[in-house]
Amino acid sequence: MIRWWARWWWRAGILSPDYRLVEAGFVNRAHALGREVIPWTIDIPEAVREQLAAEVDGIITSYPTCYAAYCPSS
């Protein structure tokens, strides 16, 4: 069951794991496979900084206005 789930999960275009499972190596592997990484739910400022340093493609948070200063403007 776990192998099936892992194969299916890696076929998705966007991966959205719990942020505690995401580190730079994970993001690099996902990007190499053409996947985006948008972890959830990040409500701790230090964790937001760590995830952005790992070059995630976005974040899911309960407090988007609090963390807007960390994100580059488009």
C-alpha atoms as a PDB file:
ATOM      1  CA  MET A   1       0.000   0.000   0.000  1.00  0.00           C
ATOM      2  CA  ILE A   2       2.740   2.474   0.905  1.00  0.00           C
ATOM      3  CA  ARG A   3       4.680   1.821  -2.311  1.00  0.00           C
ATOM      4  CA  TRP A   4       1.532   2.319  -4.397  1.00  0.00           C
ATOM      5  CA  TRP A   5       0.750   5.549  -2.586  1.00  0.00           C
ATOM      6  CA  ALA A   6       4.312   6.846  -2.975  1.00  0.00           C
ATOM      7  CA  ARG A   7       4.297   6.136  -6.730  1.00  0.00           C
ATOM      8  CA  TRP A   8       0.928   7.865  -7.140  1.00  0.00           C
ATOM      9  CA  TRP A   9       1.960  10.820  -4.997  1.00  0.00           C
ATOM     10  CA  TRP A  10       5.099  11.506  -7.062  1.00  0.00           C
ATOM     11  CA  ARG A  11       3.003  11.685 -10.249  1.00  0.00           C
ATOM     12  CA  ALA A  12       1.177  14.773  -8.992  1.00  0.00           C
ATOM     13  CA  GLY A  13       2.210  18.139 -10.433  1.00  0.00           C
ATOM     14  CA  ILE A  14       2.118  19.827  -7.033  1.00  0.00           C
ATOM     15  CA  LEU A  15       3.251  18.135  -3.847  1.00  0.00           C
ATOM     16  CA  SER A  16       1.737  19.507  -0.656  1.00  0.00           C
ATOM     17  CA  PRO A  17       3.182  17.617   2.321  1.00  0.00           C
ATOM     18  CA  ASP A  18       3.215  18.615   5.968  1.00  0.00           C
ATOM     19  CA  TYR A  19       5.988  21.198   6.260  1.00  0.00           C
ATOM     20  CA  ARG A  20       7.811  19.123   8.867  1.00  0.00           C
ATOM     21  CA  LEU A  21       8.547  16.568   6.129  1.00  0.00           C
ATOM     22  CA  VAL A  22      10.063  19.105   3.732  1.00  0.00           C
ATOM     23  CA  GLU A  23      13.758  19.925   3.542  1.00  0.00           C
ATOM     24  CA  ALA A  24      15.981  21.278   0.769  1.00  0.00           C
ATOM     25  CA  GLY A  25      16.858  17.833  -0.616  1.00  0.00           C
ATOM     26  CA  PHE A  26      13.174  16.958  -0.940  1.00  0.00           C
ATOM     27  CA  VAL A  27      12.485  20.221  -2.773  1.00  0.00           C
ATOM     28  CA  ASN A  28      15.466  19.689  -5.094  1.00  0.00           C
ATOM     29  CA  ARG A  29      14.323  16.156  -5.988  1.00  0.00           C
ATOM     30  CA  ALA A  30      10.764  17.339  -6.582  1.00  0.00           C
ATOM     31  CA  HIS A  31      11.926  20.221  -8.779  1.00  0.00           C
ATOM     32  CA  ALA A  32      14.188  17.863 -10.759  1.00  0.00           C
ATOM     33  CA  LEU A  33      11.065  15.823 -11.523  1.00  0.00           C
ATOM     34  CA  GLY A  34       9.139  18.938 -12.588  1.00  0.00           C
ATOM     35  CA  ARG A  35       7.017  19.106  -9.437  1.00  0.00           C
ATOM     36  CA  GLU A  36       6.165  22.126  -7.320  1.00  0.00           C
ATOM     37  CA  VAL A  37       6.282  21.924  -3.528  1.00  0.00           C
ATOM     38  CA  ILE A  38       3.739  23.840  -1.440  1.00  0.00           C
ATOM     39  CA  PRO A  39       3.891  22.622   2.168  1.00  0.00           C
ATOM     40  CA  TRP A  40       1.126  23.104   4.740  1.00  0.00           C
ATOM     41  CA  THR A  41       0.237  24.449   7.348  1.00  0.00           C
ATOM     42  CA  ILE A  42       3.095  26.683   8.390  1.00  0.00           C
ATOM     43  CA  ASP A  43       2.146  28.962  11.273  1.00  0.00           C
ATOM     44  CA  ILE A  44       5.561  29.426  12.904  1.00  0.00           C
ATOM     45  CA  PRO A  45       7.730  32.334  11.646  1.00  0.00           C
ATOM     46  CA  GLU A  46      11.007  30.391  11.843  1.00  0.00           C
ATOM     47  CA  ALA A  47       9.447  27.515   9.886  1.00  0.00           C
ATOM     48  CA  VAL A  48       8.315  29.975   7.189  1.00  0.00           C
ATOM     49  CA  ARG A  49      11.901  31.242   6.859  1.00  0.00           C
ATOM     50  CA  GLU A  50      13.275  27.682   6.704  1.00  0.00           C
ATOM     51  CA  GLN A  51      10.810  26.636   4.009  1.00  0.00           C
ATOM     52  CA  LEU A  52      11.516  29.711   1.896  1.00  0.00           C
ATOM     53  CA  ALA A  53      15.256  29.044   2.262  1.00  0.00           C
ATOM     54  CA  ALA A  54      14.599  25.511   0.960  1.00  0.00           C
ATOM     55  CA  GLU A  55      13.038  27.204  -2.106  1.00  0.00           C
ATOM     56  CA  VAL A  56       9.505  25.867  -1.825  1.00  0.00           C
ATOM     57  CA  ASP A  57       7.115  27.196  -4.450  1.00  0.00           C
ATOM     58  CA  GLY A  58       4.575  28.514  -1.963  1.00  0.00           C
ATOM     59  CA  ILE A  59       3.274  27.990   1.540  1.00  0.00           C
ATOM     60  CA  ILE A  60      -0.079  27.278   3.110  1.00  0.00           C
ATOM     61  CA  THR A  61      -0.651  29.136   6.370  1.00  0.00           C
ATOM     62  CA  SER A  62      -3.462  30.221   8.651  1.00  0.00           C
ATOM     63  CA  TYR A  63      -1.928  33.725   8.793  1.00  0.00           C
ATOM     64  CA  PRO A  64      -1.115  34.884   5.251  1.00  0.00           C
ATOM     65  CA  THR A  65      -0.978  38.583   6.095  1.00  0.00           C
ATOM     66  CA  CYS A  66       1.553  37.968   8.878  1.00  0.00           C
ATOM     67  CA  TYR A  67       4.009  36.298   6.504  1.00  0.00           C
ATOM     68  CA  ALA A  68       3.591  38.522   3.464  1.00  0.00           C
ATOM     69  CA  ALA A  69       6.809  40.359   4.386  1.00  0.00           C
ATOM     70  CA  TYR A  70       8.797  37.140   3.856  1.00  0.00           C
ATOM     71  CA  CYS A  71       7.584  36.660   0.301  1.00  0.00           C
ATOM     72  CA  PRO A  72       9.026  38.479  -2.698  1.00  0.00           C
ATOM     73  CA  SER A  73       6.583  40.758  -4.469  1.00  0.00           C
ATOM     74  CA  SER A  74       5.532  39.766  -7.962  1.00  0.00           C
END
